[in-house]
Amino acid sequence: MTPEEFADVANNWVDDPSNDDDIKLIKIFLRDAPAREIQRFVHRLNTLSQAPLFQIARVALEIKLAEDAGLIADKLSKQTDRLIKYTTGLYVLTFVLAFFAVLQIVIMLMELFCKSH
C-alpha cells in the first residue's frame, strides 16, 4: 500500500473502530517506512479525527529523521578522518619534496663552485 492509502485507511478507521488489524498494519508501516513516505502519510492524515495516530506518525517521522541524521554524521566523520589522513600525507610529501629540492640546490651549488675553482 502507498502512504496515501494507509492514511485513507486511518481516516476511515473512525467509522469502523472494530478493525484493529488496519491500525496494526499502519503501525508496522510507520516502523518500517522511510521518512518521505511517513511524511506523505502525515500530510494525508486527518489530524482532527486521528490525533493520537497523528502524534505516533510524527514521532515515527522524527525518529527516522534522527536516524538518517546519525547515518549522515557517521559518514561525514569517516570522510573527515580520510581527509585528515590525506592532509597528513600531503604534509609528508611536501617535506620530502622540499628536502629533495634543497638537496638538489646544494648539489648544483657544489658543482658550480667545483667548476669555478
PDB file of N, CA and C in Angstrom:
ATOM      1  N   MET A   1       0.837  -1.192   0.000  1.00  0.00           N
ATOM      2  CA  MET A   1       0.000   0.000   0.000  1.00  0.00           C
ATOM      3  C   MET A   1       0.875   1.246   0.000  1.00  0.00           C
ATOM      4  N   THR A   2       0.345   2.298  -0.575  1.00  0.00           N
ATOM      5  CA  THR A   2       1.055   3.569  -0.583  1.00  0.00           C
ATOM      6  C   THR A   2       0.779   4.313   0.721  1.00  0.00           C
ATOM      7  N   PRO A   3       1.589   5.307   1.037  1.00  0.00           N
ATOM      8  CA  PRO A   3       1.325   6.091   2.247  1.00  0.00           C
ATOM      9  C   PRO A   3      -0.055   6.751   2.220  1.00  0.00           C
ATOM     10  N   GLU A   4      -0.467   7.183   1.043  1.00  0.00           N
ATOM     11  CA  GLU A   4      -1.778   7.808   0.923  1.00  0.00           C
ATOM     12  C   GLU A   4      -2.897   6.807   1.232  1.00  0.00           C
ATOM     13  N   GLU A   5      -2.733   5.575   0.778  1.00  0.00           N
ATOM     14  CA  GLU A   5      -3.733   4.543   1.060  1.00  0.00           C
ATOM     15  C   GLU A   5      -3.780   4.218   2.551  1.00  0.00           C
ATOM     16  N   PHE A   6      -2.600   4.168   3.193  1.00  0.00           N
ATOM     17  CA  PHE A   6      -2.573   3.954   4.646  1.00  0.00           C
ATOM     18  C   PHE A   6      -3.283   5.100   5.357  1.00  0.00           C
ATOM     19  N   ALA A   7      -3.073   6.329   4.896  1.00  0.00           N
ATOM     20  CA  ALA A   7      -3.741   7.484   5.515  1.00  0.00           C
ATOM     21  C   ALA A   7      -5.249   7.403   5.317  1.00  0.00           C
ATOM     22  N   ASP A   8      -5.672   6.980   4.143  1.00  0.00           N
ATOM     23  CA  ASP A   8      -7.116   6.836   3.906  1.00  0.00           C
ATOM     24  C   ASP A   8      -7.713   5.774   4.831  1.00  0.00           C
ATOM     25  N   VAL A   9      -6.989   4.670   5.001  1.00  0.00           N
ATOM     26  CA  VAL A   9      -7.453   3.630   5.926  1.00  0.00           C
ATOM     27  C   VAL A   9      -7.549   4.195   7.339  1.00  0.00           C
ATOM     28  N   ALA A  10      -6.552   4.974   7.745  1.00  0.00           N
ATOM     29  CA  ALA A  10      -6.567   5.562   9.087  1.00  0.00           C
ATOM     30  C   ALA A  10      -7.707   6.558   9.227  1.00  0.00           C
ATOM     31  N   ASN A  11      -7.943   7.356   8.199  1.00  0.00           N
ATOM     32  CA  ASN A  11      -9.029   8.336   8.256  1.00  0.00           C
ATOM     33  C   ASN A  11     -10.393   7.652   8.324  1.00  0.00           C
ATOM     34  N   ASN A  12     -10.526   6.507   7.675  1.00  0.00           N
ATOM     35  CA  ASN A  12     -11.788   5.770   7.699  1.00  0.00           C
ATOM     36  C   ASN A  12     -11.933   4.897   8.943  1.00  0.00           C
ATOM     37  N   TRP A  13     -10.865   4.739   9.689  1.00  0.00           N
ATOM     38  CA  TRP A  13     -10.881   3.895  10.875  1.00  0.00           C
ATOM     39  C   TRP A  13     -11.853   4.429  11.921  1.00  0.00           C
ATOM     40  N   VAL A  14     -12.073   5.731  11.931  1.00  0.00           N
ATOM     41  CA  VAL A  14     -13.008   6.338  12.887  1.00  0.00           C
ATOM     42  C   VAL A  14     -14.404   5.767  12.664  1.00  0.00           C
ATOM     43  N   ASP A  15     -14.726   5.524  11.378  1.00  0.00           N
ATOM     44  CA  ASP A  15     -16.053   4.993  11.078  1.00  0.00           C
ATOM     45  C   ASP A  15     -16.186   3.529  11.482  1.00  0.00           C
ATOM     46  N   ASP A  16     -15.079   2.797  11.502  1.00  0.00           N
ATOM     47  CA  ASP A  16     -15.127   1.373  11.825  1.00  0.00           C
ATOM     48  C   ASP A  16     -13.999   1.024  12.795  1.00  0.00           C
ATOM     49  N   PRO A  17     -14.106   1.423  14.069  1.00  0.00           N
ATOM     50  CA  PRO A  17     -13.020   1.174  15.029  1.00  0.00           C
ATOM     51  C   PRO A  17     -12.878  -0.288  15.436  1.00  0.00           C
ATOM     52  N   SER A  18     -13.754  -1.152  14.952  1.00  0.00           N
ATOM     53  CA  SER A  18     -13.657  -2.561  15.335  1.00  0.00           C
ATOM     54  C   SER A  18     -12.519  -3.269  14.600  1.00  0.00           C
ATOM     55  N   ASN A  19     -12.007  -2.669  13.538  1.00  0.00           N
ATOM     56  CA  ASN A  19     -10.965  -3.301  12.730  1.00  0.00           C
ATOM     57  C   ASN A  19      -9.588  -2.828  13.201  1.00  0.00           C
ATOM     58  N   ASP A  20      -9.044  -3.490  14.221  1.00  0.00           N
ATOM     59  CA  ASP A  20      -7.740  -3.124  14.760  1.00  0.00           C
ATOM     60  C   ASP A  20      -6.591  -3.611  13.883  1.00  0.00           C
ATOM     61  N   ASP A  21      -6.858  -4.541  12.965  1.00  0.00           N
ATOM     62  CA  ASP A  21      -5.799  -5.038  12.093  1.00  0.00           C
ATOM     63  C   ASP A  21      -5.250  -3.925  11.207  1.00  0.00           C
ATOM     64  N   ASP A  22      -6.118  -3.018  10.788  1.00  0.00           N
ATOM     65  CA  ASP A  22      -5.664  -1.900   9.969  1.00  0.00           C
ATOM     66  C   ASP A  22      -4.689  -1.014  10.742  1.00  0.00           C
ATOM     67  N   ILE A  23      -5.005  -0.759  11.981  1.00  0.00           N
ATOM     68  CA  ILE A  23      -4.123   0.076  12.797  1.00  0.00           C
ATOM     69  C   ILE A  23      -2.788  -0.632  13.029  1.00  0.00           C
ATOM     70  N   LYS A  24      -2.811  -1.936  13.214  1.00  0.00           N
ATOM     71  CA  LYS A  24      -1.560  -2.696  13.361  1.00  0.00           C
ATOM     72  C   LYS A  24      -0.724  -2.578  12.095  1.00  0.00           C
ATOM     73  N   LEU A  25      -1.378  -2.676  10.932  1.00  0.00           N
ATOM     74  CA  LEU A  25      -0.654  -2.517   9.663  1.00  0.00           C
ATOM     75  C   LEU A  25      -0.075  -1.117   9.527  1.00  0.00           C
ATOM     76  N   ILE A  26      -0.833  -0.136   9.961  1.00  0.00           N
ATOM     77  CA  ILE A  26      -0.346   1.250   9.897  1.00  0.00           C
ATOM     78  C   ILE A  26       0.856   1.430  10.809  1.00  0.00           C
ATOM     79  N   LYS A  27       0.813   0.844  12.001  1.00  0.00           N
ATOM     80  CA  LYS A  27       1.954   0.955  12.915  1.00  0.00           C
ATOM     81  C   LYS A  27       3.184   0.236  12.354  1.00  0.00           C
ATOM     82  N   ILE A  28       2.984  -0.886  11.698  1.00  0.00           N
ATOM     83  CA  ILE A  28       4.099  -1.585  11.041  1.00  0.00           C
ATOM     84  C   ILE A  28       4.655  -0.719   9.919  1.00  0.00           C
ATOM     85  N   PHE A  29       3.745  -0.108   9.151  1.00  0.00           N
ATOM     86  CA  PHE A  29       4.176   0.807   8.090  1.00  0.00           C
ATOM     87  C   PHE A  29       5.011   1.940   8.657  1.00  0.00           C
ATOM     88  N   LEU A  30       4.552   2.548   9.757  1.00  0.00           N
ATOM     89  CA  LEU A  30       5.279   3.661  10.362  1.00  0.00           C
ATOM     90  C   LEU A  30       6.644   3.224  10.891  1.00  0.00           C
ATOM     91  N   ARG A  31       6.732   1.993  11.337  1.00  0.00           N
ATOM     92  CA  ARG A  31       8.010   1.478  11.837  1.00  0.00           C
ATOM     93  C   ARG A  31       9.010   1.249  10.714  1.00  0.00           C
ATOM     94  N   ASP A  32       8.519   0.755   9.575  1.00  0.00           N
ATOM     95  CA  ASP A  32       9.425   0.306   8.519  1.00  0.00           C
ATOM     96  C   ASP A  32       9.605   1.283   7.361  1.00  0.00           C
ATOM     97  N   ALA A  33       8.730   2.240   7.209  1.00  0.00           N
ATOM     98  CA  ALA A  33       8.752   3.119   6.036  1.00  0.00           C
ATOM     99  C   ALA A  33       9.862   4.159   6.141  1.00  0.00           C
ATOM    100  N   PRO A  34      10.373   4.600   4.990  1.00  0.00           N
ATOM    101  CA  PRO A  34      11.349   5.700   5.014  1.00  0.00           C
ATOM    102  C   PRO A  34      10.660   7.023   5.380  1.00  0.00           C
ATOM    103  N   ALA A  35      11.466   8.005   5.703  1.00  0.00           N
ATOM    104  CA  ALA A  35      10.953   9.280   6.200  1.00  0.00           C
ATOM    105  C   ALA A  35      10.016   9.961   5.199  1.00  0.00           C
ATOM    106  N   ARG A  36      10.342   9.924   3.919  1.00  0.00           N
ATOM    107  CA  ARG A  36       9.494  10.597   2.922  1.00  0.00           C
ATOM    108  C   ARG A  36       8.092   9.987   2.866  1.00  0.00           C
ATOM    109  N   GLU A  37       8.001   8.668   2.976  1.00  0.00           N
ATOM    110  CA  GLU A  37       6.681   8.035   2.950  1.00  0.00           C
ATOM    111  C   GLU A  37       5.886   8.353   4.208  1.00  0.00           C
ATOM    112  N   ILE A  38       6.557   8.407   5.343  1.00  0.00           N
ATOM    113  CA  ILE A  38       5.858   8.780   6.580  1.00  0.00           C
ATOM    114  C   ILE A  38       5.363  10.215   6.470  1.00  0.00           C
ATOM    115  N   GLN A  39       6.163  11.073   5.869  1.00  0.00           N
ATOM    116  CA  GLN A  39       5.746  12.463   5.689  1.00  0.00           C
ATOM    117  C   GLN A  39       4.504  12.546   4.794  1.00  0.00           C
ATOM    118  N   ARG A  40       4.497  11.766   3.715  1.00  0.00           N
ATOM    119  CA  ARG A  40       3.317  11.741   2.845  1.00  0.00           C
ATOM    120  C   ARG A  40       2.099  11.243   3.610  1.00  0.00           C
ATOM    121  N   PHE A  41       2.293  10.244   4.473  1.00  0.00           N
ATOM    122  CA  PHE A  41       1.204   9.717   5.313  1.00  0.00           C
ATOM    123  C   PHE A  41       0.673  10.805   6.242  1.00  0.00           C
ATOM    124  N   VAL A  42       1.582  11.512   6.904  1.00  0.00           N
ATOM    125  CA  VAL A  42       1.194  12.550   7.863  1.00  0.00           C
ATOM    126  C   VAL A  42       0.412  13.658   7.167  1.00  0.00           C
ATOM    127  N   HIS A  43       0.841  14.047   5.979  1.00  0.00           N
ATOM    128  CA  HIS A  43       0.160  15.127   5.265  1.00  0.00           C
ATOM    129  C   HIS A  43      -1.247  14.731   4.813  1.00  0.00           C
ATOM    130  N   ARG A  44      -1.451  13.467   4.610  1.00  0.00           N
ATOM    131  CA  ARG A  44      -2.759  12.995   4.146  1.00  0.00           C
ATOM    132  C   ARG A  44      -3.701  12.662   5.315  1.00  0.00           C
ATOM    133  N   LEU A  45      -3.142  12.513   6.498  1.00  0.00           N
ATOM    134  CA  LEU A  45      -3.923  12.086   7.659  1.00  0.00           C
ATOM    135  C   LEU A  45      -4.812  13.221   8.163  1.00  0.00           C
ATOM    136  N   ASN A  46      -6.039  12.879   8.529  1.00  0.00           N
ATOM    137  CA  ASN A  46      -6.977  13.831   9.113  1.00  0.00           C
ATOM    138  C   ASN A  46      -6.603  14.017  10.580  1.00  0.00           C
ATOM    139  N   THR A  47      -6.005  15.150  10.900  1.00  0.00           N
ATOM    140  CA  THR A  47      -5.460  15.350  12.246  1.00  0.00           C
ATOM    141  C   THR A  47      -6.543  15.547  13.299  1.00  0.00           C
ATOM    142  N   LEU A  48      -7.717  15.986  12.896  1.00  0.00           N
ATOM    143  CA  LEU A  48      -8.780  16.201  13.892  1.00  0.00           C
ATOM    144  C   LEU A  48      -9.333  14.889  14.415  1.00  0.00           C
ATOM    145  N   SER A  49      -9.557  13.946  13.520  1.00  0.00           N
ATOM    146  CA  SER A  49     -10.156  12.684  13.959  1.00  0.00           C
ATOM    147  C   SER A  49      -9.123  11.654  14.393  1.00  0.00           C
ATOM    148  N   GLN A  50      -7.880  11.842  13.981  1.00  0.00           N
ATOM    149  CA  GLN A  50      -6.834  10.856  14.284  1.00  0.00           C
ATOM    150  C   GLN A  50      -5.662  11.488  15.035  1.00  0.00           C
ATOM    151  N   ALA A  51      -5.952  12.297  16.033  1.00  0.00           N
ATOM    152  CA  ALA A  51      -4.902  12.986  16.781  1.00  0.00           C
ATOM    153  C   ALA A  51      -3.875  12.029  17.395  1.00  0.00           C
ATOM    154  N   PRO A  52      -4.279  10.928  18.065  1.00  0.00           N
ATOM    155  CA  PRO A  52      -3.255  10.026  18.623  1.00  0.00           C
ATOM    156  C   PRO A  52      -2.398   9.377  17.535  1.00  0.00           C
ATOM    157  N   LEU A  53      -3.026   8.957  16.451  1.00  0.00           N
ATOM    158  CA  LEU A  53      -2.268   8.346  15.359  1.00  0.00           C
ATOM    159  C   LEU A  53      -1.369   9.375  14.679  1.00  0.00           C
ATOM    160  N   PHE A  54      -1.853  10.605  14.612  1.00  0.00           N
ATOM    161  CA  PHE A  54      -1.041  11.686  14.061  1.00  0.00           C
ATOM    162  C   PHE A  54       0.217  11.892  14.903  1.00  0.00           C
ATOM    163  N   GLN A  55       0.056  11.863  16.219  1.00  0.00           N
ATOM    164  CA  GLN A  55       1.209  12.025  17.111  1.00  0.00           C
ATOM    165  C   GLN A  55       2.192  10.865  16.958  1.00  0.00           C
ATOM    166  N   ILE A  56       1.672   9.667  16.835  1.00  0.00           N
ATOM    167  CA  ILE A  56       2.533   8.494  16.631  1.00  0.00           C
ATOM    168  C   ILE A  56       3.295   8.634  15.321  1.00  0.00           C
ATOM    169  N   ALA A  57       2.603   9.083  14.280  1.00  0.00           N
ATOM    170  CA  ALA A  57       3.253   9.259  12.974  1.00  0.00           C
ATOM    171  C   ALA A  57       4.322  10.342  13.037  1.00  0.00           C
ATOM    172  N   ARG A  58       4.044  11.418  13.745  1.00  0.00           N
ATOM    173  CA  ARG A  58       5.044  12.496  13.884  1.00  0.00           C
ATOM    174  C   ARG A  58       6.277  12.002  14.623  1.00  0.00           C
ATOM    175  N   VAL A  59       6.063  11.226  15.684  1.00  0.00           N
ATOM    176  CA  VAL A  59       7.198  10.669  16.435  1.00  0.00           C
ATOM    177  C   VAL A  59       7.993   9.719  15.542  1.00  0.00           C
ATOM    178  N   ALA A  60       7.285   8.883  14.769  1.00  0.00           N
ATOM    179  CA  ALA A  60       7.973   7.961  13.858  1.00  0.00           C
ATOM    180  C   ALA A  60       8.789   8.741  12.834  1.00  0.00           C
ATOM    181  N   LEU A  61       8.231   9.834  12.322  1.00  0.00           N
ATOM    182  CA  LEU A  61       8.958  10.664  11.361  1.00  0.00           C
ATOM    183  C   LEU A  61      10.190  11.293  12.001  1.00  0.00           C
ATOM    184  N   GLU A  62      10.049  11.795  13.203  1.00  0.00           N
ATOM    185  CA  GLU A  62      11.188  12.399  13.898  1.00  0.00           C
ATOM    186  C   GLU A  62      12.277  11.363  14.176  1.00  0.00           C
ATOM    187  N   ILE A  63      11.879  10.154  14.521  1.00  0.00           N
ATOM    188  CA  ILE A  63      12.856   9.090  14.760  1.00  0.00           C
ATOM    189  C   ILE A  63      13.606   8.760  13.471  1.00  0.00           C
ATOM    190  N   LYS A  64      12.867   8.622  12.374  1.00  0.00           N
ATOM    191  CA  LYS A  64      13.507   8.325  11.083  1.00  0.00           C
ATOM    192  C   LYS A  64      14.468   9.433  10.687  1.00  0.00           C
ATOM    193  N   LEU A  65      14.061  10.677  10.873  1.00  0.00           N
ATOM    194  CA  LEU A  65      14.940  11.796  10.536  1.00  0.00           C
ATOM    195  C   LEU A  65      16.186  11.801  11.420  1.00  0.00           C
ATOM    196  N   ALA A  66      16.019  11.481  12.694  1.00  0.00           N
ATOM    197  CA  ALA A  66      17.177  11.420  13.596  1.00  0.00           C
ATOM    198  C   ALA A  66      18.118  10.283  13.199  1.00  0.00           C
ATOM    199  N   GLU A  67      17.544   9.130  12.829  1.00  0.00           N
ATOM    200  CA  GLU A  67      18.382   8.011  12.384  1.00  0.00           C
ATOM    201  C   GLU A  67      19.141   8.379  11.117  1.00  0.00           C
ATOM    202  N   ASP A  68      18.453   9.025  10.172  1.00  0.00           N
ATOM    203  CA  ASP A  68      19.114   9.452   8.939  1.00  0.00           C
ATOM    204  C   ASP A  68      20.217  10.465   9.229  1.00  0.00           C
ATOM    205  N   ALA A  69      19.953  11.380  10.149  1.00  0.00           N
ATOM    206  CA  ALA A  69      20.969  12.364  10.517  1.00  0.00           C
ATOM    207  C   ALA A  69      22.177  11.678  11.165  1.00  0.00           C
ATOM    208  N   GLY A  70      21.917  10.657  11.967  1.00  0.00           N
ATOM    209  CA  GLY A  70      23.021   9.903  12.579  1.00  0.00           C
ATOM    210  C   GLY A  70      23.867   9.196  11.531  1.00  0.00           C
ATOM    211  N   LEU A  71      23.215   8.604  10.528  1.00  0.00           N
ATOM    212  CA  LEU A  71      23.962   7.945   9.453  1.00  0.00           C
ATOM    213  C   LEU A  71      24.796   8.948   8.674  1.00  0.00           C
ATOM    214  N   ILE A  72      24.231  10.108   8.406  1.00  0.00           N
ATOM    215  CA  ILE A  72      24.968  11.143   7.677  1.00  0.00           C
ATOM    216  C   ILE A  72      26.140  11.644   8.514  1.00  0.00           C
ATOM    217  N   ALA A  73      25.923  11.795   9.816  1.00  0.00           N
ATOM    218  CA  ALA A  73      27.002  12.239  10.697  1.00  0.00           C
ATOM    219  C   ALA A  73      28.137  11.212  10.728  1.00  0.00           C
ATOM    220  N   ASP A  74      27.797   9.929  10.754  1.00  0.00           N
ATOM    221  CA  ASP A  74      28.830   8.887  10.724  1.00  0.00           C
ATOM    222  C   ASP A  74      29.613   8.940   9.420  1.00  0.00           C
ATOM    223  N   LYS A  75      28.901   9.107   8.311  1.00  0.00           N
ATOM    224  CA  LYS A  75      29.566   9.184   7.011  1.00  0.00           C
ATOM    225  C   LYS A  75      30.481  10.411   6.949  1.00  0.00           C
ATOM    226  N   LEU A  76      29.997  11.533   7.468  1.00  0.00           N
ATOM    227  CA  LEU A  76      30.799  12.748   7.477  1.00  0.00           C
ATOM    228  C   LEU A  76      32.035  12.575   8.355  1.00  0.00           C
ATOM    229  N   SER A  77      31.883  11.884   9.467  1.00  0.00           N
ATOM    230  CA  SER A  77      33.018  11.632  10.353  1.00  0.00           C
ATOM    231  C   SER A  77      34.076  10.780   9.658  1.00  0.00           C
ATOM    232  N   LYS A  78      33.628   9.746   8.939  1.00  0.00           N
ATOM    233  CA  LYS A  78      34.579   8.904   8.209  1.00  0.00           C
ATOM    234  C   LYS A  78      35.286   9.693   7.115  1.00  0.00           C
ATOM    235  N   GLN A  79      34.545  10.551   6.420  1.00  0.00           N
ATOM    236  CA  GLN A  79      35.165  11.348   5.371  1.00  0.00           C
ATOM    237  C   GLN A  79      36.139  12.365   5.960  1.00  0.00           C
ATOM    238  N   THR A  80      35.821  12.883   7.135  1.00  0.00           N
ATOM    239  CA  THR A  80      36.737  13.807   7.802  1.00  0.00           C
ATOM    240  C   THR A  80      38.019  13.092   8.203  1.00  0.00           C
ATOM    241  N   ASP A  81      37.894  11.875   8.719  1.00  0.00           N
ATOM    242  CA  ASP A  81      39.086  11.093   9.066  1.00  0.00           C
ATOM    243  C   ASP A  81      39.948  10.835   7.833  1.00  0.00           C
ATOM    244  N   ARG A  82      39.297  10.500   6.722  1.00  0.00           N
ATOM    245  CA  ARG A  82      40.030  10.263   5.479  1.00  0.00           C
ATOM    246  C   ARG A  82      40.733  11.535   5.020  1.00  0.00           C
ATOM    247  N   LEU A  83      40.060  12.664   5.137  1.00  0.00           N
ATOM    248  CA  LEU A  83      40.650  13.939   4.747  1.00  0.00           C
ATOM    249  C   LEU A  83      41.859  14.275   5.620  1.00  0.00           C
ATOM    250  N   ILE A  84      41.780  13.960   6.902  1.00  0.00           N
ATOM    251  CA  ILE A  84      42.916  14.197   7.797  1.00  0.00           C
ATOM    252  C   ILE A  84      44.097  13.335   7.384  1.00  0.00           C
ATOM    253  N   LYS A  85      43.837  12.069   7.024  1.00  0.00           N
ATOM    254  CA  LYS A  85      44.928  11.193   6.566  1.00  0.00           C
ATOM    255  C   LYS A  85      45.558  11.734   5.294  1.00  0.00           C
ATOM    256  N   TYR A  86      44.726  12.180   4.355  1.00  0.00           N
ATOM    257  CA  TYR A  86      45.263  12.728   3.105  1.00  0.00           C
ATOM    258  C   TYR A  86      46.067  14.000   3.368  1.00  0.00           C
ATOM    259  N   THR A  87      45.601  14.828   4.286  1.00  0.00           N
ATOM    260  CA  THR A  87      46.326  16.053   4.613  1.00  0.00           C
ATOM    261  C   THR A  87      47.678  15.721   5.240  1.00  0.00           C
ATOM    262  N   THR A  88      47.698  14.749   6.113  1.00  0.00           N
ATOM    263  CA  THR A  88      48.966  14.314   6.716  1.00  0.00           C
ATOM    264  C   THR A  88      49.907  13.795   5.631  1.00  0.00           C
ATOM    265  N   GLY A  89      49.374  13.021   4.706  1.00  0.00           N
ATOM    266  CA  GLY A  89      50.185  12.533   3.592  1.00  0.00           C
ATOM    267  C   GLY A  89      50.738  13.669   2.748  1.00  0.00           C
ATOM    268  N   LEU A  90      49.933  14.690   2.536  1.00  0.00           N
ATOM    269  CA  LEU A  90      50.420  15.842   1.770  1.00  0.00           C
ATOM    270  C   LEU A  90      51.527  16.576   2.510  1.00  0.00           C
ATOM    271  N   TYR A  91      51.416  16.681   3.839  1.00  0.00           N
ATOM    272  CA  TYR A  91      52.490  17.299   4.614  1.00  0.00           C
ATOM    273  C   TYR A  91      53.789  16.509   4.460  1.00  0.00           C
ATOM    274  N   VAL A  92      53.696  15.197   4.560  1.00  0.00           N
ATOM    275  CA  VAL A  92      54.884  14.350   4.427  1.00  0.00           C
ATOM    276  C   VAL A  92      55.475  14.493   3.029  1.00  0.00           C
ATOM    277  N   LEU A  93      54.627  14.428   2.015  1.00  0.00           N
ATOM    278  CA  LEU A  93      55.088  14.570   0.643  1.00  0.00           C
ATOM    279  C   LEU A  93      55.726  15.939   0.405  1.00  0.00           C
ATOM    280  N   THR A  94      55.139  16.980   0.961  1.00  0.00           N
ATOM    281  CA  THR A  94      55.710  18.325   0.828  1.00  0.00           C
ATOM    282  C   THR A  94      57.079  18.395   1.491  1.00  0.00           C
ATOM    283  N   PHE A  95      57.214  17.800   2.658  1.00  0.00           N
ATOM    284  CA  PHE A  95      58.508  17.797   3.344  1.00  0.00           C
ATOM    285  C   PHE A  95      59.560  17.048   2.522  1.00  0.00           C
ATOM    286  N   VAL A  96      59.177  15.889   1.965  1.00  0.00           N
ATOM    287  CA  VAL A  96      60.103  15.103   1.149  1.00  0.00           C
ATOM    288  C   VAL A  96      60.518  15.890  -0.093  1.00  0.00           C
ATOM    289  N   LEU A  97      59.567  16.512  -0.758  1.00  0.00           N
ATOM    290  CA  LEU A  97      59.889  17.312  -1.942  1.00  0.00           C
ATOM    291  C   LEU A  97      60.778  18.501  -1.597  1.00  0.00           C
ATOM    292  N   ALA A  98      60.499  19.137  -0.455  1.00  0.00           N
ATOM    293  CA  ALA A  98      61.350  20.257  -0.024  1.00  0.00           C
ATOM    294  C   ALA A  98      62.754  19.764   0.284  1.00  0.00           C
ATOM    295  N   PHE A  99      62.867  18.610   0.905  1.00  0.00           N
ATOM    296  CA  PHE A  99      64.189  18.041   1.197  1.00  0.00           C
ATOM    297  C   PHE A  99      64.972  17.787  -0.094  1.00  0.00           C
ATOM    298  N   PHE A 100      64.301  17.160  -1.084  1.00  0.00           N
ATOM    299  CA  PHE A 100      64.980  16.900  -2.350  1.00  0.00           C
ATOM    300  C   PHE A 100      65.306  18.192  -3.096  1.00  0.00           C
ATOM    301  N   ALA A 101      64.468  19.207  -2.986  1.00  0.00           N
ATOM    302  CA  ALA A 101      64.762  20.488  -3.625  1.00  0.00           C
ATOM    303  C   ALA A 101      65.998  21.115  -3.009  1.00  0.00           C
ATOM    304  N   VAL A 102      66.080  21.112  -1.690  1.00  0.00           N
ATOM    305  CA  VAL A 102      67.262  21.660  -1.008  1.00  0.00           C
ATOM    306  C   VAL A 102      68.493  20.840  -1.369  1.00  0.00           C
ATOM    307  N   LEU A 103      68.347  19.522  -1.405  1.00  0.00           N
ATOM    308  CA  LEU A 103      69.465  18.646  -1.775  1.00  0.00           C
ATOM    309  C   LEU A 103      69.941  18.946  -3.195  1.00  0.00           C
ATOM    310  N   GLN A 104      69.017  19.149  -4.109  1.00  0.00           N
ATOM    311  CA  GLN A 104      69.396  19.452  -5.483  1.00  0.00           C
ATOM    312  C   GLN A 104      70.084  20.814  -5.580  1.00  0.00           C
ATOM    313  N   ILE A 105      69.616  21.779  -4.814  1.00  0.00           N
ATOM    314  CA  ILE A 105      70.268  23.097  -4.810  1.00  0.00           C
ATOM    315  C   ILE A 105      71.686  22.982  -4.273  1.00  0.00           C
ATOM    316  N   VAL A 106      71.865  22.200  -3.216  1.00  0.00           N
ATOM    317  CA  VAL A 106      73.212  22.013  -2.647  1.00  0.00           C
ATOM    318  C   VAL A 106      74.120  21.350  -3.686  1.00  0.00           C
ATOM    319  N   ILE A 107      73.635  20.328  -4.374  1.00  0.00           N
ATOM    320  CA  ILE A 107      74.441  19.642  -5.393  1.00  0.00           C
ATOM    321  C   ILE A 107      74.790  20.600  -6.523  1.00  0.00           C
ATOM    322  N   MET A 108      73.813  21.397  -6.955  1.00  0.00           N
ATOM    323  CA  MET A 108      74.086  22.355  -8.035  1.00  0.00           C
ATOM    324  C   MET A 108      75.113  23.394  -7.603  1.00  0.00           C
ATOM    325  N   LEU A 109      75.012  23.867  -6.357  1.00  0.00           N
ATOM    326  CA  LEU A 109      75.989  24.844  -5.863  1.00  0.00           C
ATOM    327  C   LEU A 109      77.375  24.222  -5.745  1.00  0.00           C
ATOM    328  N   MET A 110      77.438  22.969  -5.298  1.00  0.00           N
ATOM    329  CA  MET A 110      78.737  22.296  -5.198  1.00  0.00           C
ATOM    330  C   MET A 110      79.372  22.134  -6.580  1.00  0.00           C
ATOM    331  N   GLU A 111      78.568  21.761  -7.581  1.00  0.00           N
ATOM    332  CA  GLU A 111      79.092  21.634  -8.939  1.00  0.00           C
ATOM    333  C   GLU A 111      79.550  22.972  -9.482  1.00  0.00           C
ATOM    334  N   LEU A 112      78.799  24.018  -9.162  1.00  0.00           N
ATOM    335  CA  LEU A 112      79.173  25.356  -9.641  1.00  0.00           C
ATOM    336  C   LEU A 112      80.473  25.810  -8.997  1.00  0.00           C
ATOM    337  N   PHE A 113      80.645  25.593  -7.699  1.00  0.00           N
ATOM    338  CA  PHE A 113      81.889  26.009  -7.046  1.00  0.00           C
ATOM    339  C   PHE A 113      83.062  25.127  -7.465  1.00  0.00           C
ATOM    340  N   CYS A 114      82.805  23.844  -7.745  1.00  0.00           N
ATOM    341  CA  CYS A 114      83.888  22.959  -8.178  1.00  0.00           C
ATOM    342  C   CYS A 114      84.373  23.365  -9.564  1.00  0.00           C
ATOM    343  N   LYS A 115      83.492  23.780 -10.437  1.00  0.00           N
ATOM    344  CA  LYS A 115      83.877  24.206 -11.793  1.00  0.00           C
ATOM    345  C   LYS A 115      84.591  25.544 -11.742  1.00  0.00           C
ATOM    346  N   SER A 116      84.231  26.385 -10.783  1.00  0.00           N
ATOM    347  CA  SER A 116      84.847  27.714 -10.676  1.00  0.00           C
ATOM    348  C   SER A 116      86.281  27.620 -10.169  1.00  0.00           C
ATOM    349  N   HIS A 117      86.604  26.688  -9.392  1.00  0.00           N
ATOM    350  CA  HIS A 117      87.932  26.584  -8.803  1.00  0.00           C
ATOM    351  C   HIS A 117      88.760  25.680  -9.584  1.00  0.00           C
TER     352      HIS A 117
END
